[in-house]
C-alpha atoms as a PDB file:
ATOM      1  CA  GLN A   1      -0.027   0.025  -0.007  1.00  0.00           C
ATOM      2  CA  PHE A   2       2.932   2.324   0.731  1.00  0.00           C
ATOM      3  CA  PHE A   3       4.469   1.838  -2.751  1.00  0.00           C
ATOM      4  CA  ASN A   4       1.703   3.569  -4.766  1.00  0.00           C
ATOM      5  CA  VAL A   5       2.595   5.900  -7.629  1.00  0.00           C
ATOM      6  CA  LYS A   6       2.461   9.144  -5.634  1.00  0.00           C
ATOM      7  CA  ASN A   7       4.693   7.866  -2.786  1.00  0.00           C
ATOM      8  CA  THR A   8       7.158   6.308  -5.233  1.00  0.00           C
ATOM      9  CA  VAL A   9       7.537   9.585  -7.149  1.00  0.00           C
ATOM     10  CA  VAL A  10       8.089  11.589  -3.914  1.00  0.00           C
ATOM     11  CA  LEU A  11      10.644   9.057  -2.639  1.00  0.00           C
ATOM     12  CA  ALA A  12      12.512   9.066  -5.991  1.00  0.00           C
ATOM     13  CA  ALA A  13      12.558  12.867  -6.051  1.00  0.00           C
ATOM     14  CA  SER A  14      13.826  13.027  -2.477  1.00  0.00           C
ATOM     15  CA  LEU A  15      16.639  10.549  -3.193  1.00  0.00           C
ATOM     16  CA  LEU A  16      17.669  12.530  -6.260  1.00  0.00           C
ATOM     17  CA  LEU A  17      17.587  15.842  -4.398  1.00  0.00           C
ATOM     18  CA  PHE A  18      19.631  14.722  -1.347  1.00  0.00           C
ATOM     19  CA  GLY A  19      21.774  12.198  -3.162  1.00  0.00           C
ATOM     20  CA  CYS A  20      23.368  14.641  -5.621  1.00  0.00           C
ATOM     21  CA  ALA A  21      26.794  15.834  -4.711  1.00  0.00           C
ATOM     22  CA  THR A  22      27.419  19.557  -4.316  1.00  0.00           C
ATOM     23  CA  ILE A  23      30.026  20.704  -6.835  1.00  0.00           C
ATOM     24  CA  GLN A  24      32.881  22.480  -5.099  1.00  0.00           C
ATOM     25  CA  ALA A  25      36.429  23.430  -5.928  1.00  0.00           C
ATOM     26  CA  PRO A  26      38.931  20.873  -4.540  1.00  0.00           C
ATOM     27  CA  GLN A  27      40.225  21.816  -1.084  1.00  0.00           C
ATOM     28  CA  GLY A  28      43.981  22.035  -1.014  1.00  0.00           C
ATOM     29  CA  GLY A  29      46.431  22.688   1.763  1.00  0.00           C
ATOM     30  CA  PRO A  30      48.157  26.027   2.433  1.00  0.00           C
ATOM     31  CA  LYS A  31      49.543  27.957  -0.539  1.00  0.00           C
ATOM     32  CA  ASP A  32      53.068  26.962  -1.577  1.00  0.00           C
ATOM     33  CA  THR A  33      55.379  29.913  -0.944  1.00  0.00           C
ATOM     34  CA  ALA A  34      58.716  28.092  -0.932  1.00  0.00           C
ATOM     35  CA  PRO A  35      60.948  28.152  -4.037  1.00  0.00           C
ATOM     36  CA  PRO A  36      62.656  24.959  -5.266  1.00  0.00           C
ATOM     37  CA  LYS A  37      65.507  23.834  -2.984  1.00  0.00           C
ATOM     38  CA  ILE A  38      68.885  22.812  -4.344  1.00  0.00           C
ATOM     39  CA  LEU A  39      69.671  19.108  -3.641  1.00  0.00           C
ATOM     40  CA  GLY A  40      73.079  19.064  -5.301  1.00  0.00           C
ATOM     41  CA  MET A  41      75.468  20.557  -7.842  1.00  0.00           C
ATOM     42  CA  THR A  42      77.825  18.606 -10.100  1.00  0.00           C
ATOM     43  CA  PRO A  43      80.651  19.572 -10.114  1.00  0.00           C
ATOM     44  CA  LYS A  44      80.292  21.110  -6.669  1.00  0.00           C
ATOM     45  CA  ASN A  45      79.835  24.861  -6.317  1.00  0.00           C
ATOM     46  CA  GLN A  46      83.204  26.639  -5.816  1.00  0.00           C
ATOM     47  CA  THR A  47      85.172  23.886  -7.590  1.00  0.00           C
ATOM     48  CA  ARG A  48      88.848  24.732  -8.199  1.00  0.00           C
ATOM     49  CA  ASN A  49      90.822  23.539 -11.268  1.00  0.00           C
ATOM     50  CA  PHE A  50      87.498  23.244 -13.065  1.00  0.00           C
ATOM     51  CA  ASN A  51      87.688  21.484 -16.436  1.00  0.00           C
ATOM     52  CA  SER A  52      84.116  20.276 -17.116  1.00  0.00           C
ATOM     53  CA  LYS A  53      81.866  21.256 -20.045  1.00  0.00           C
ATOM     54  CA  LYS A  54      78.646  20.592 -18.234  1.00  0.00           C
ATOM     55  CA  ILE A  55      77.194  21.682 -14.844  1.00  0.00           C
ATOM     56  CA  VAL A  56      74.105  19.982 -13.357  1.00  0.00           C
ATOM     57  CA  ILE A  57      71.971  21.532 -10.597  1.00  0.00           C
ATOM     58  CA  GLU A  58      69.344  19.248  -9.057  1.00  0.00           C
ATOM     59  CA  PHE A  59      66.243  20.624  -7.321  1.00  0.00           C
ATOM     60  CA  ASP A  60      63.673  19.000  -4.975  1.00  0.00           C
ATOM     61  CA  GLU A  61      60.740  19.799  -7.310  1.00  0.00           C
ATOM     62  CA  TYR A  62      59.902  20.482 -10.908  1.00  0.00           C
ATOM     63  CA  PHE A  63      60.707  24.008 -12.079  1.00  0.00           C
ATOM     64  CA  ASN A  64      60.367  26.338 -15.078  1.00  0.00           C
ATOM     65  CA  LEU A  65      63.011  28.540 -16.713  1.00  0.00           C
ATOM     66  CA  LYS A  66      61.646  32.036 -17.189  1.00  0.00           C
ATOM     67  CA  ASP A  67      63.365  34.702 -19.378  1.00  0.00           C
ATOM     68  CA  GLU A  68      66.648  32.878 -19.079  1.00  0.00           C
ATOM     69  CA  PHE A  69      68.174  34.875 -21.968  1.00  0.00           C
ATOM     70  CA  LYS A  70      67.423  38.074 -20.051  1.00  0.00           C
ATOM     71  CA  GLU A  71      68.048  36.844 -16.502  1.00  0.00           C
ATOM     72  CA  PHE A  72      71.055  34.539 -16.886  1.00  0.00           C
ATOM     73  CA  SER A  73      74.653  35.803 -17.193  1.00  0.00           C
ATOM     74  CA  ILE A  74      78.195  34.544 -16.879  1.00  0.00           C
ATOM     75  CA  SER A  75      81.157  36.611 -15.714  1.00  0.00           C
ATOM     76  CA  PRO A  76      83.601  37.032 -17.351  1.00  0.00           C
ATOM     77  CA  ASP A  77      81.458  37.189 -20.511  1.00  0.00           C
ATOM     78  CA  GLN A  78      81.784  34.536 -23.213  1.00  0.00           C
ATOM     79  CA  GLU A  79      81.261  34.969 -26.941  1.00  0.00           C
ATOM     80  CA  LYS A  80      79.209  31.763 -27.077  1.00  0.00           C
ATOM     81  CA  PRO A  81      76.911  31.844 -24.019  1.00  0.00           C
ATOM     82  CA  PRO A  82      76.184  28.668 -22.079  1.00  0.00           C
ATOM     83  CA  ILE A  83      73.079  26.645 -22.953  1.00  0.00           C
ATOM     84  CA  LEU A  84      70.526  26.099 -20.202  1.00  0.00           C
ATOM     85  CA  LYS A  85      68.280  23.043 -20.402  1.00  0.00           C
ATOM     86  CA  LYS A  86      65.869  21.511 -17.910  1.00  0.00           C
ATOM     87  CA  LYS A  87      65.589  17.705 -17.593  1.00  0.00           C
ATOM     88  CA  GLN A  88      62.824  16.844 -15.084  1.00  0.00           C
ATOM     89  CA  LYS A  89      64.140  18.216 -11.760  1.00  0.00           C
ATOM     90  CA  LYS A  90      67.647  18.958 -13.068  1.00  0.00           C
ATOM     91  CA  LEU A  91      69.090  22.058 -14.735  1.00  0.00           C
ATOM     92  CA  GLU A  92      71.867  21.356 -17.180  1.00  0.00           C
ATOM     93  CA  ILE A  93      74.255  24.156 -18.152  1.00  0.00           C
ATOM     94  CA  THR A  94      76.512  23.370 -21.130  1.00  0.00           C
ATOM     95  CA  LEU A  95      79.554  25.621 -21.626  1.00  0.00           C
ATOM     96  CA  GLN A  96      80.085  26.223 -25.353  1.00  0.00           C
ATOM     97  CA  ASP A  97      83.118  28.499 -25.202  1.00  0.00           C
ATOM     98  CA  SER A  98      86.685  27.829 -24.005  1.00  0.00           C
ATOM     99  CA  LEU A  99      87.607  28.998 -20.484  1.00  0.00           C
ATOM    100  CA  GLU A 100      90.466  31.280 -19.574  1.00  0.00           C
ATOM    101  CA  LYS A 101      93.254  29.915 -17.377  1.00  0.00           C
ATOM    102  CA  ASN A 102      93.389  30.791 -13.644  1.00  0.00           C
ATOM    103  CA  THR A 103      90.091  32.611 -13.777  1.00  0.00           C
ATOM    104  CA  THR A 104      87.075  32.657 -11.466  1.00  0.00           C
ATOM    105  CA  TYR A 105      83.739  32.384 -13.245  1.00  0.00           C
ATOM    106  CA  THR A 106      80.370  33.290 -11.761  1.00  0.00           C
ATOM    107  CA  LEU A 107      77.052  32.105 -13.245  1.00  0.00           C
ATOM    108  CA  ASN A 108      74.139  34.298 -12.174  1.00  0.00           C
ATOM    109  CA  PHE A 109      70.601  32.976 -12.736  1.00  0.00           C
ATOM    110  CA  GLY A 110      68.678  36.094 -11.679  1.00  0.00           C
ATOM    111  CA  LYS A 111      64.954  35.220 -11.442  1.00  0.00           C
ATOM    112  CA  SER A 112      65.072  32.578 -14.176  1.00  0.00           C
ATOM    113  CA  VAL A 113      64.359  29.519 -11.956  1.00  0.00           C
ATOM    114  CA  ALA A 114      60.872  29.203 -10.398  1.00  0.00           C
ATOM    115  CA  ASP A 115      58.602  26.399  -9.322  1.00  0.00           C
ATOM    116  CA  VAL A 116      55.902  25.152 -11.711  1.00  0.00           C
ATOM    117  CA  ASN A 117      52.684  25.849  -9.771  1.00  0.00           C
ATOM    118  CA  GLU A 118      53.107  29.118  -7.877  1.00  0.00           C
ATOM    119  CA  GLY A 119      56.059  30.633  -9.705  1.00  0.00           C
ATOM    120  CA  ASN A 120      58.165  30.996  -6.542  1.00  0.00           C
ATOM    121  CA  VAL A 121      61.595  32.245  -7.676  1.00  0.00           C
ATOM    122  CA  VAL A 122      64.929  30.899  -6.455  1.00  0.00           C
ATOM    123  CA  LYS A 123      66.525  34.257  -5.575  1.00  0.00           C
ATOM    124  CA  ASN A 124      70.218  35.055  -6.005  1.00  0.00           C
ATOM    125  CA  LEU A 125      71.060  31.631  -7.377  1.00  0.00           C
ATOM    126  CA  SER A 126      74.671  31.546  -8.508  1.00  0.00           C
ATOM    127  CA  TYR A 127      77.366  28.989  -9.300  1.00  0.00           C
ATOM    128  CA  VAL A 128      81.085  29.796  -8.987  1.00  0.00           C
ATOM    129  CA  PHE A 129      84.148  27.905 -10.203  1.00  0.00           C
ATOM    130  CA  SER A 130      87.794  28.598 -10.936  1.00  0.00           C
ATOM    131  CA  THR A 131      89.962  27.187 -13.748  1.00  0.00           C
ATOM    132  CA  GLY A 132      92.958  27.648 -11.405  1.00  0.00           C
ATOM    133  CA  PRO A 133      93.822  26.718  -7.829  1.00  0.00           C
ATOM    134  CA  GLU A 134      92.319  29.862  -6.246  1.00  0.00           C
ATOM    135  CA  ILE A 135      88.857  31.453  -6.275  1.00  0.00           C
ATOM    136  CA  ASP A 136      88.507  35.235  -6.212  1.00  0.00           C
ATOM    137  CA  SER A 137      87.388  36.009  -2.656  1.00  0.00           C
ATOM    138  CA  LEU A 138      86.724  39.743  -2.503  1.00  0.00           C
ATOM    139  CA  SER A 139      83.184  40.915  -1.686  1.00  0.00           C
ATOM    140  CA  LEU A 140      81.161  44.109  -1.732  1.00  0.00           C
ATOM    141  CA  SER A 141      78.057  44.758   0.435  1.00  0.00           C
ATOM    142  CA  GLY A 142      75.745  47.562   1.243  1.00  0.00           C
ATOM    143  CA  LYS A 143      72.154  48.734   1.637  1.00  0.00           C
ATOM    144  CA  VAL A 144      69.780  50.421  -0.816  1.00  0.00           C
ATOM    145  CA  ILE A 145      67.577  53.193   0.655  1.00  0.00           C
ATOM    146  CA  ASN A 146      64.910  55.141  -1.282  1.00  0.00           C
ATOM    147  CA  ALA A 147      66.113  58.761  -1.269  1.00  0.00           C
ATOM    148  CA  LEU A 148      62.554  60.140  -1.159  1.00  0.00           C
ATOM    149  CA  THR A 149      60.952  57.884   1.451  1.00  0.00           C
ATOM    150  CA  ASP A 150      64.040  56.857   3.446  1.00  0.00           C
ATOM    151  CA  GLU A 151      62.713  53.235   3.275  1.00  0.00           C
ATOM    152  CA  ALA A 152      64.750  50.130   2.409  1.00  0.00           C
ATOM    153  CA  GLU A 153      64.288  48.932  -1.167  1.00  0.00           C
ATOM    154  CA  LYS A 154      63.706  45.212  -1.486  1.00  0.00           C
ATOM    155  CA  GLU A 155      64.337  43.088  -4.586  1.00  0.00           C
ATOM    156  CA  VAL A 156      66.230  45.832  -6.320  1.00  0.00           C
ATOM    157  CA  THR A 157      68.928  44.805  -8.771  1.00  0.00           C
ATOM    158  CA  VAL A 158      72.425  45.965  -7.754  1.00  0.00           C
ATOM    159  CA  PHE A 159      75.239  45.509 -10.268  1.00  0.00           C
ATOM    160  CA  ILE A 160      78.850  46.481 -10.631  1.00  0.00           C
ATOM    161  CA  LEU A 161      80.797  47.210 -13.768  1.00  0.00           C
ATOM    162  CA  PRO A 162      84.572  47.180 -14.031  1.00  0.00           C
ATOM    163  CA  VAL A 163      85.735  50.753 -14.715  1.00  0.00           C
ATOM    164  CA  GLU A 164      87.635  49.666 -17.835  1.00  0.00           C
ATOM    165  CA  ARG A 165      84.322  48.382 -19.277  1.00  0.00           C
ATOM    166  CA  ASP A 166      82.329  51.529 -18.361  1.00  0.00           C
ATOM    167  CA  THR A 167      81.698  52.306 -22.031  1.00  0.00           C
ATOM    168  CA  LEU A 168      79.532  49.171 -22.260  1.00  0.00           C
ATOM    169  CA  PHE A 169      77.025  50.551 -19.719  1.00  0.00           C
ATOM    170  CA  GLY A 170      73.545  50.314 -21.246  1.00  0.00           C
ATOM    171  CA  LYS A 171      74.739  48.327 -24.252  1.00  0.00           C
ATOM    172  CA  LYS A 172      75.082  44.905 -22.594  1.00  0.00           C
ATOM    173  CA  ARG A 173      73.400  43.416 -19.547  1.00  0.00           C
ATOM    174  CA  PRO A 174      75.521  43.373 -16.398  1.00  0.00           C
ATOM    175  CA  SER A 175      77.126  40.096 -15.560  1.00  0.00           C
ATOM    176  CA  ILE A 176      77.916  40.783 -11.870  1.00  0.00           C
ATOM    177  CA  TYR A 177      74.689  41.525 -10.012  1.00  0.00           C
ATOM    178  CA  THR A 178      72.427  40.512  -7.102  1.00  0.00           C
ATOM    179  CA  LEU A 179      69.054  41.433  -5.596  1.00  0.00           C
ATOM    180  CA  THR A 180      68.497  43.216  -2.282  1.00  0.00           C
ATOM    181  CA  ASP A 181      66.799  41.320   0.507  1.00  0.00           C
ATOM    182  CA  SER A 182      63.678  42.459   2.462  1.00  0.00           C
ATOM    183  CA  SER A 183      65.811  44.907   4.450  1.00  0.00           C
ATOM    184  CA  GLY A 184      67.460  46.412   1.394  1.00  0.00           C
ATOM    185  CA  ASN A 185      70.798  44.661   1.968  1.00  0.00           C
ATOM    186  CA  TYR A 186      72.931  43.188  -0.773  1.00  0.00           C
ATOM    187  CA  LYS A 187      76.214  41.357  -1.129  1.00  0.00           C
ATOM    188  CA  LEU A 188      78.329  40.605  -4.143  1.00  0.00           C
ATOM    189  CA  ASN A 189      80.815  37.783  -3.698  1.00  0.00           C
ATOM    190  CA  ASN A 190      83.808  36.194  -5.518  1.00  0.00           C
ATOM    191  CA  LEU A 191      85.043  39.456  -7.000  1.00  0.00           C
ATOM    192  CA  ARG A 192      88.483  39.930  -8.420  1.00  0.00           C
ATOM    193  CA  LYS A 193      90.677  42.875  -7.359  1.00  0.00           C
ATOM    194  CA  GLY A 194      89.917  45.957  -9.426  1.00  0.00           C
ATOM    195  CA  ASN A 195      88.011  49.239  -9.712  1.00  0.00           C
ATOM    196  CA  TYR A 196      84.263  49.080 -10.192  1.00  0.00           C
ATOM    197  CA  LYS A 197      81.296  51.405 -10.648  1.00  0.00           C
ATOM    198  CA  ILE A 198      78.147  50.333  -8.746  1.00  0.00           C
END
């Protein structure tokens, strides 16, 4: 007697109404704010008597290369710039040009390496090696303050140019540079003895 046409229709409608899932966006955890971490470098960073043609940097997560032609530089400059290539979680840097003897080289990656999902940038990533037994060890540090507001400037690019290359200013991108931190501080490492404009 309960299963007449009217009751069956009401029961079916109720099951459909309450049985349908509510469509919602998937709930994730907290937002990822950490950039990729370096697991290893081959050859090791600050290698002396360097004679390799390839450098491999391994990260703990997948990453993208962004504006590498604009962001990446090598100091001293090379006529044939290194080739950057990502292979899964590894960044391969192939040196195309010959290296000078007894010279410290610095590879600056700027903001070119960032994680895939959130675009968190690995800041001030650099790789240093020397083709001789010594690595240039001079450094320069300071703080950038906004002249109008007297506030520290964060993530400002600070670069130096050897005085003998001053005529190149504005014609080529700087090869020795860094970014200021949240307090406006910066530090440039592995510099050779000389006169520079900042």
